[in-house]
């Protein structure tokens, strides 16, 4: 019973994130597979890669060159340093929260926003490159 409820909640938030992203102007926010996200990220100069997961998750492992910004208080000053035409890439644990964060970034005036479909979970599952260097300098295994 409890597992069913958890599954229903996950599906609900997944659908809500997709609805929120779909409500934004076409072409402004793109939800990309891990492979497409990686390719796009490689060629976008002066972009920002935002990790919205918890600090403990971020410390363990993250996408290369990701910046930890789990709240508006951290994210907004980063965005304020950027031009509105620069690309912003966003990911979370499973792809739910990042859709909402993408909408917030769009409301700040950014036009090139990329959301990682399936989040960090999908990225790892596809064996995409990771920064496994712990924040304290020790390597994770």
N, C-alpha and C. Protein backbone atom coordinates (compact mmCIF):
# COMPACT_ATOMS: atom_id res chain seq x y z
N UNK A 1 0.82 -1.20 0.00
CA UNK A 1 0.00 0.00 0.00
C UNK A 1 0.86 1.26 0.00
N UNK A 2 1.87 1.28 0.89
CA UNK A 2 2.73 2.46 0.98
C UNK A 2 3.56 2.62 -0.29
N UNK A 3 4.03 1.52 -0.88
CA UNK A 3 4.79 1.59 -2.12
C UNK A 3 3.92 2.13 -3.25
N UNK A 4 2.66 1.74 -3.27
CA UNK A 4 1.74 2.23 -4.30
C UNK A 4 1.54 3.73 -4.17
N UNK A 5 1.40 4.20 -2.95
CA UNK A 5 1.23 5.62 -2.71
C UNK A 5 2.46 6.40 -3.16
N UNK A 6 3.64 5.90 -2.83
CA UNK A 6 4.88 6.55 -3.24
C UNK A 6 4.96 6.60 -4.76
N UNK A 7 4.62 5.51 -5.42
CA UNK A 7 4.64 5.46 -6.89
C UNK A 7 3.67 6.50 -7.47
N UNK A 8 2.48 6.59 -6.92
CA UNK A 8 1.48 7.55 -7.40
C UNK A 8 1.99 8.98 -7.23
N UNK A 9 2.61 9.27 -6.10
CA UNK A 9 3.15 10.60 -5.84
C UNK A 9 4.26 10.93 -6.85
N UNK A 10 5.14 9.97 -7.11
CA UNK A 10 6.22 10.18 -8.07
C UNK A 10 5.66 10.45 -9.46
N UNK A 11 4.69 9.65 -9.87
CA UNK A 11 4.08 9.84 -11.19
C UNK A 11 3.40 11.20 -11.27
N UNK A 12 2.70 11.58 -10.21
CA UNK A 12 2.02 12.88 -10.18
C UNK A 12 3.01 14.03 -10.38
N UNK A 13 4.10 14.03 -9.60
CA UNK A 13 5.08 15.11 -9.70
C UNK A 13 5.78 15.10 -11.05
N UNK A 14 6.00 13.92 -11.59
CA UNK A 14 6.60 13.82 -12.92
C UNK A 14 5.70 14.48 -13.96
N UNK A 15 4.41 14.17 -13.90
CA UNK A 15 3.46 14.76 -14.84
C UNK A 15 3.34 16.27 -14.63
N UNK A 16 3.35 16.70 -13.39
CA UNK A 16 3.24 18.14 -13.10
C UNK A 16 4.45 18.88 -13.64
N UNK A 17 5.64 18.31 -13.49
CA UNK A 17 6.85 18.96 -14.00
C UNK A 17 6.77 19.09 -15.51
N UNK A 18 6.27 18.07 -16.19
CA UNK A 18 6.14 18.14 -17.65
C UNK A 18 5.09 19.15 -18.06
N UNK A 19 4.01 19.26 -17.30
CA UNK A 19 2.97 20.25 -17.60
C UNK A 19 3.52 21.66 -17.43
N UNK A 20 4.26 21.89 -16.37
CA UNK A 20 4.83 23.21 -16.11
C UNK A 20 5.78 23.59 -17.24
N UNK A 21 6.65 22.66 -17.63
CA UNK A 21 7.59 22.94 -18.71
C UNK A 21 6.83 23.17 -20.02
N UNK A 22 5.78 22.41 -20.27
CA UNK A 22 5.02 22.55 -21.51
C UNK A 22 4.31 23.90 -21.60
N UNK A 23 4.03 24.52 -20.46
CA UNK A 23 3.32 25.80 -20.46
C UNK A 23 4.22 26.96 -20.87
N UNK A 24 5.53 26.74 -20.86
CA UNK A 24 6.47 27.79 -21.22
C UNK A 24 6.56 27.86 -22.74
N UNK A 25 6.89 29.04 -23.26
CA UNK A 25 7.02 29.22 -24.70
C UNK A 25 7.84 28.10 -25.32
N UNK A 26 7.37 27.61 -26.46
CA UNK A 26 8.04 26.53 -27.17
C UNK A 26 9.47 26.96 -27.52
N UNK A 27 10.41 26.05 -27.30
CA UNK A 27 11.80 26.31 -27.66
C UNK A 27 12.60 26.99 -26.58
N UNK A 28 11.99 27.48 -25.53
CA UNK A 28 12.72 28.15 -24.46
C UNK A 28 13.31 27.15 -23.49
N UNK A 29 12.52 26.18 -23.07
CA UNK A 29 13.00 25.12 -22.20
C UNK A 29 12.94 23.82 -22.98
N UNK A 30 14.09 23.17 -23.07
CA UNK A 30 14.14 21.87 -23.73
C UNK A 30 14.49 20.80 -22.70
N UNK A 31 13.72 19.74 -22.69
CA UNK A 31 14.03 18.59 -21.85
C UNK A 31 14.77 17.60 -22.72
N UNK A 32 16.01 17.30 -22.33
CA UNK A 32 16.89 16.50 -23.16
C UNK A 32 17.28 15.18 -22.47
N UNK A 33 17.46 14.15 -23.27
CA UNK A 33 17.98 12.87 -22.75
C UNK A 33 19.41 13.11 -22.26
N UNK A 34 19.94 12.21 -21.44
CA UNK A 34 21.32 12.40 -20.98
C UNK A 34 22.32 12.58 -22.12
N UNK A 35 22.22 11.79 -23.19
CA UNK A 35 23.16 11.91 -24.31
C UNK A 35 23.03 13.28 -24.99
N UNK A 36 21.80 13.73 -25.23
CA UNK A 36 21.59 15.03 -25.87
C UNK A 36 22.01 16.18 -24.96
N UNK A 37 21.73 16.05 -23.67
CA UNK A 37 22.13 17.05 -22.67
C UNK A 37 23.65 17.20 -22.68
N UNK A 38 24.35 16.08 -22.68
CA UNK A 38 25.81 16.06 -22.67
C UNK A 38 26.36 16.74 -23.92
N UNK A 39 25.84 16.39 -25.07
CA UNK A 39 26.31 16.96 -26.34
C UNK A 39 26.06 18.47 -26.38
N UNK A 40 24.88 18.88 -25.99
CA UNK A 40 24.54 20.32 -25.98
C UNK A 40 25.45 21.07 -25.01
N UNK A 41 25.65 20.50 -23.85
CA UNK A 41 26.48 21.13 -22.81
C UNK A 41 27.93 21.30 -23.28
N UNK A 42 28.44 20.36 -24.02
CA UNK A 42 29.83 20.42 -24.50
C UNK A 42 30.07 21.63 -25.41
N UNK A 43 29.05 22.04 -26.16
CA UNK A 43 29.25 23.07 -27.16
C UNK A 43 28.69 24.45 -26.78
N UNK A 44 28.06 24.55 -25.65
CA UNK A 44 27.54 25.86 -25.20
C UNK A 44 28.60 26.57 -24.38
N UNK A 45 29.13 27.65 -24.91
CA UNK A 45 30.14 28.42 -24.19
C UNK A 45 29.48 29.32 -23.14
N UNK A 46 30.19 29.54 -22.06
CA UNK A 46 29.74 30.43 -20.99
C UNK A 46 28.38 30.04 -20.43
N UNK A 47 28.10 28.76 -20.39
CA UNK A 47 26.82 28.30 -19.84
C UNK A 47 26.96 28.03 -18.34
N UNK A 48 25.84 27.83 -17.71
CA UNK A 48 25.78 27.50 -16.28
C UNK A 48 25.12 26.14 -16.14
N UNK A 49 25.75 25.25 -15.38
CA UNK A 49 25.21 23.92 -15.10
C UNK A 49 24.82 23.88 -13.63
N UNK A 50 23.52 23.74 -13.37
CA UNK A 50 22.98 23.83 -12.01
C UNK A 50 22.53 22.47 -11.50
N UNK A 51 23.03 22.11 -10.33
CA UNK A 51 22.63 20.89 -9.63
C UNK A 51 21.73 21.32 -8.47
N UNK A 52 20.47 20.87 -8.49
CA UNK A 52 19.52 21.29 -7.45
C UNK A 52 19.35 20.26 -6.33
N UNK A 53 20.15 19.20 -6.36
CA UNK A 53 20.02 18.15 -5.35
C UNK A 53 20.54 18.62 -3.99
N UNK A 54 20.42 17.77 -3.00
CA UNK A 54 20.88 18.11 -1.65
C UNK A 54 22.40 18.23 -1.63
N UNK A 55 22.92 18.92 -0.64
CA UNK A 55 24.36 19.10 -0.51
C UNK A 55 25.07 17.76 -0.36
N UNK A 56 24.51 16.84 0.41
CA UNK A 56 25.17 15.55 0.59
C UNK A 56 25.26 14.78 -0.73
N UNK A 57 24.22 14.86 -1.56
CA UNK A 57 24.26 14.21 -2.87
C UNK A 57 25.30 14.88 -3.77
N UNK A 58 25.30 16.21 -3.76
CA UNK A 58 26.24 16.96 -4.58
C UNK A 58 27.68 16.65 -4.19
N UNK A 59 27.94 16.55 -2.90
CA UNK A 59 29.29 16.28 -2.42
C UNK A 59 29.79 14.91 -2.88
N UNK A 60 28.91 13.94 -2.98
CA UNK A 60 29.31 12.58 -3.36
C UNK A 60 29.69 12.49 -4.83
N UNK A 61 28.88 13.05 -5.69
CA UNK A 61 29.10 12.94 -7.12
C UNK A 61 28.18 13.92 -7.84
N UNK A 62 28.66 14.43 -8.98
CA UNK A 62 27.90 15.43 -9.73
C UNK A 62 28.37 15.42 -11.17
N UNK A 63 27.67 16.13 -12.02
CA UNK A 63 28.13 16.31 -13.39
C UNK A 63 29.34 17.24 -13.36
N UNK A 64 30.24 17.05 -14.32
CA UNK A 64 31.44 17.87 -14.38
C UNK A 64 31.09 19.35 -14.50
N UNK A 65 31.72 20.16 -13.68
CA UNK A 65 31.55 21.62 -13.67
C UNK A 65 30.19 22.10 -13.17
N UNK A 66 29.46 21.25 -12.48
CA UNK A 66 28.16 21.65 -11.94
C UNK A 66 28.34 22.58 -10.75
N UNK A 67 27.38 23.48 -10.60
CA UNK A 67 27.34 24.39 -9.46
C UNK A 67 26.15 23.98 -8.60
N UNK A 68 26.36 23.88 -7.30
CA UNK A 68 25.28 23.49 -6.40
C UNK A 68 24.41 24.70 -6.08
N UNK A 69 23.15 24.64 -6.49
CA UNK A 69 22.22 25.75 -6.25
C UNK A 69 20.84 25.17 -5.94
N UNK A 70 20.65 24.69 -4.71
CA UNK A 70 19.39 24.05 -4.34
C UNK A 70 18.28 25.02 -3.95
N UNK A 71 18.58 26.32 -3.94
CA UNK A 71 17.57 27.29 -3.53
C UNK A 71 17.69 28.56 -4.37
N UNK A 72 16.63 29.36 -4.33
CA UNK A 72 16.64 30.65 -5.05
C UNK A 72 17.72 31.57 -4.51
N UNK A 73 17.96 31.51 -3.20
CA UNK A 73 18.96 32.38 -2.58
C UNK A 73 20.35 32.14 -3.16
N UNK A 74 20.63 30.94 -3.58
CA UNK A 74 21.92 30.61 -4.19
C UNK A 74 21.85 30.79 -5.71
N UNK A 75 20.74 30.38 -6.31
CA UNK A 75 20.61 30.42 -7.76
C UNK A 75 20.54 31.84 -8.32
N UNK A 76 19.76 32.70 -7.73
CA UNK A 76 19.53 34.03 -8.29
C UNK A 76 20.81 34.86 -8.44
N UNK A 77 21.71 34.88 -7.43
CA UNK A 77 22.96 35.63 -7.64
C UNK A 77 23.80 35.07 -8.81
N UNK A 78 23.76 33.77 -9.00
CA UNK A 78 24.47 33.16 -10.14
C UNK A 78 23.87 33.65 -11.46
N UNK A 79 22.55 33.66 -11.52
CA UNK A 79 21.87 34.12 -12.72
C UNK A 79 22.09 35.60 -12.98
N UNK A 80 22.17 36.37 -11.91
CA UNK A 80 22.39 37.81 -12.04
C UNK A 80 23.74 38.14 -12.69
N UNK A 81 24.68 37.21 -12.60
CA UNK A 81 26.01 37.40 -13.20
C UNK A 81 26.03 37.06 -14.68
N UNK A 82 24.94 36.49 -15.19
CA UNK A 82 24.90 36.02 -16.57
C UNK A 82 24.08 36.93 -17.47
N UNK A 83 24.34 36.82 -18.78
CA UNK A 83 23.51 37.49 -19.78
C UNK A 83 22.32 36.59 -20.06
N UNK A 84 21.20 37.19 -20.39
CA UNK A 84 19.95 36.43 -20.59
C UNK A 84 20.01 35.47 -21.78
N UNK A 85 20.97 35.69 -22.69
CA UNK A 85 21.06 34.79 -23.84
C UNK A 85 22.04 33.63 -23.62
N UNK A 86 22.64 33.57 -22.43
CA UNK A 86 23.52 32.45 -22.11
C UNK A 86 22.66 31.24 -21.73
N UNK A 87 23.18 30.06 -22.01
CA UNK A 87 22.46 28.82 -21.73
C UNK A 87 22.57 28.42 -20.26
N UNK A 88 21.47 27.88 -19.74
CA UNK A 88 21.44 27.36 -18.38
C UNK A 88 20.96 25.91 -18.45
N UNK A 89 21.77 25.01 -17.90
CA UNK A 89 21.46 23.58 -17.85
C UNK A 89 21.11 23.23 -16.41
N UNK A 90 20.04 22.46 -16.23
CA UNK A 90 19.55 22.18 -14.88
C UNK A 90 19.28 20.68 -14.72
N UNK A 91 19.66 20.15 -13.56
CA UNK A 91 19.29 18.77 -13.24
C UNK A 91 19.05 18.62 -11.75
N UNK A 92 18.26 17.62 -11.44
CA UNK A 92 17.98 17.26 -10.05
C UNK A 92 18.18 15.74 -9.93
N UNK A 93 17.57 15.14 -8.93
CA UNK A 93 17.74 13.71 -8.73
C UNK A 93 17.08 12.85 -9.79
N UNK A 94 15.82 13.14 -10.07
CA UNK A 94 15.05 12.31 -11.01
C UNK A 94 14.36 13.11 -12.12
N UNK A 95 14.53 14.41 -12.14
CA UNK A 95 13.95 15.21 -13.20
C UNK A 95 12.68 15.95 -12.85
N UNK A 96 12.21 15.82 -11.60
CA UNK A 96 10.96 16.47 -11.20
C UNK A 96 11.19 17.94 -10.86
N UNK A 97 12.08 18.17 -9.90
CA UNK A 97 12.32 19.53 -9.41
C UNK A 97 12.96 20.42 -10.47
N UNK A 98 13.80 19.84 -11.31
CA UNK A 98 14.49 20.66 -12.30
C UNK A 98 13.53 21.31 -13.29
N UNK A 99 12.43 20.66 -13.59
CA UNK A 99 11.42 21.27 -14.46
C UNK A 99 10.85 22.54 -13.86
N UNK A 100 10.63 22.52 -12.57
CA UNK A 100 10.11 23.70 -11.86
C UNK A 100 11.18 24.79 -11.83
N UNK A 101 12.44 24.39 -11.57
CA UNK A 101 13.53 25.36 -11.54
C UNK A 101 13.71 25.99 -12.92
N UNK A 102 13.56 25.21 -13.97
CA UNK A 102 13.66 25.74 -15.34
C UNK A 102 12.62 26.83 -15.57
N UNK A 103 11.42 26.63 -15.08
CA UNK A 103 10.37 27.64 -15.23
C UNK A 103 10.75 28.93 -14.48
N UNK A 104 11.30 28.78 -13.30
CA UNK A 104 11.74 29.95 -12.52
C UNK A 104 12.83 30.70 -13.27
N UNK A 105 13.76 29.96 -13.86
CA UNK A 105 14.84 30.58 -14.63
C UNK A 105 14.26 31.32 -15.84
N UNK A 106 13.28 30.71 -16.48
CA UNK A 106 12.62 31.37 -17.62
C UNK A 106 11.96 32.67 -17.17
N UNK A 107 11.33 32.66 -16.02
CA UNK A 107 10.68 33.87 -15.50
C UNK A 107 11.69 34.98 -15.23
N UNK A 108 12.96 34.61 -15.04
CA UNK A 108 14.02 35.60 -14.85
C UNK A 108 14.51 36.17 -16.19
N UNK A 109 13.95 35.66 -17.30
CA UNK A 109 14.26 36.22 -18.60
C UNK A 109 15.20 35.41 -19.48
N UNK A 110 15.62 34.26 -19.01
CA UNK A 110 16.55 33.44 -19.81
C UNK A 110 15.79 32.72 -20.92
N UNK A 111 16.47 32.57 -22.06
CA UNK A 111 15.82 32.02 -23.25
C UNK A 111 16.36 30.66 -23.68
N UNK A 112 17.48 30.23 -23.12
CA UNK A 112 18.10 28.95 -23.51
C UNK A 112 18.29 28.11 -22.26
N UNK A 113 17.27 27.30 -21.97
CA UNK A 113 17.24 26.54 -20.73
C UNK A 113 17.07 25.06 -21.08
N UNK A 114 17.92 24.23 -20.46
CA UNK A 114 17.92 22.80 -20.78
C UNK A 114 17.75 21.99 -19.49
N UNK A 115 16.77 21.11 -19.52
CA UNK A 115 16.42 20.27 -18.38
C UNK A 115 16.86 18.83 -18.69
N UNK A 116 17.52 18.17 -17.73
CA UNK A 116 17.97 16.80 -17.91
C UNK A 116 16.81 15.83 -17.62
N UNK A 117 16.36 15.17 -18.67
CA UNK A 117 15.25 14.20 -18.53
C UNK A 117 15.71 13.03 -17.67
N UNK A 118 14.96 12.76 -16.60
CA UNK A 118 15.30 11.67 -15.70
C UNK A 118 16.33 12.03 -14.66
N UNK A 119 16.87 13.24 -14.73
CA UNK A 119 17.80 13.75 -13.73
C UNK A 119 19.09 12.97 -13.60
N UNK A 120 19.71 13.12 -12.45
CA UNK A 120 20.99 12.49 -12.17
C UNK A 120 20.89 10.97 -12.24
N UNK A 121 19.75 10.45 -11.85
CA UNK A 121 19.51 9.00 -11.90
C UNK A 121 19.69 8.48 -13.33
N UNK A 122 19.06 9.14 -14.29
CA UNK A 122 19.16 8.72 -15.69
C UNK A 122 20.58 8.90 -16.21
N UNK A 123 21.24 9.97 -15.79
CA UNK A 123 22.62 10.23 -16.20
C UNK A 123 23.53 9.08 -15.78
N UNK A 124 23.42 8.69 -14.52
CA UNK A 124 24.25 7.59 -13.99
C UNK A 124 23.91 6.28 -14.66
N UNK A 125 22.64 6.06 -14.89
CA UNK A 125 22.19 4.80 -15.50
C UNK A 125 22.78 4.64 -16.91
N UNK A 126 23.02 5.76 -17.59
CA UNK A 126 23.60 5.73 -18.94
C UNK A 126 25.13 5.79 -18.92
N UNK A 127 25.71 5.73 -17.71
CA UNK A 127 27.18 5.78 -17.55
C UNK A 127 27.81 7.01 -18.19
N UNK A 128 27.17 8.13 -18.02
CA UNK A 128 27.70 9.40 -18.53
C UNK A 128 28.80 9.90 -17.58
N UNK A 129 29.68 10.78 -18.05
CA UNK A 129 30.81 11.26 -17.22
C UNK A 129 30.35 11.95 -15.94
N UNK A 130 31.07 11.67 -14.86
CA UNK A 130 30.76 12.24 -13.55
C UNK A 130 32.01 12.83 -12.93
N UNK A 131 31.81 13.80 -12.07
CA UNK A 131 32.86 14.31 -11.21
C UNK A 131 32.67 13.61 -9.88
N UNK A 132 33.53 12.64 -9.60
CA UNK A 132 33.40 11.86 -8.36
C UNK A 132 34.33 12.35 -7.27
N UNK A 133 35.00 13.44 -7.54
CA UNK A 133 35.89 14.01 -6.54
C UNK A 133 35.03 14.58 -5.41
N UNK A 134 35.25 14.07 -4.22
CA UNK A 134 34.48 14.60 -3.08
C UNK A 134 34.86 16.06 -2.87
N UNK A 135 33.95 16.80 -2.34
CA UNK A 135 34.19 18.22 -2.07
C UNK A 135 35.37 18.39 -1.11
N UNK A 136 35.54 17.45 -0.19
CA UNK A 136 36.66 17.55 0.76
C UNK A 136 37.97 17.08 0.15
N UNK A 137 37.99 16.74 -1.13
CA UNK A 137 39.22 16.40 -1.82
C UNK A 137 39.49 14.91 -1.96
N UNK A 138 38.70 14.07 -1.32
CA UNK A 138 38.90 12.63 -1.42
C UNK A 138 38.07 12.07 -2.58
N UNK A 139 38.61 11.07 -3.22
CA UNK A 139 37.93 10.47 -4.37
C UNK A 139 36.92 9.43 -3.89
N UNK A 140 35.72 9.45 -4.50
CA UNK A 140 34.71 8.43 -4.22
C UNK A 140 34.98 7.21 -5.07
N UNK A 141 34.63 6.08 -4.59
CA UNK A 141 34.76 4.83 -5.35
C UNK A 141 33.40 4.36 -5.79
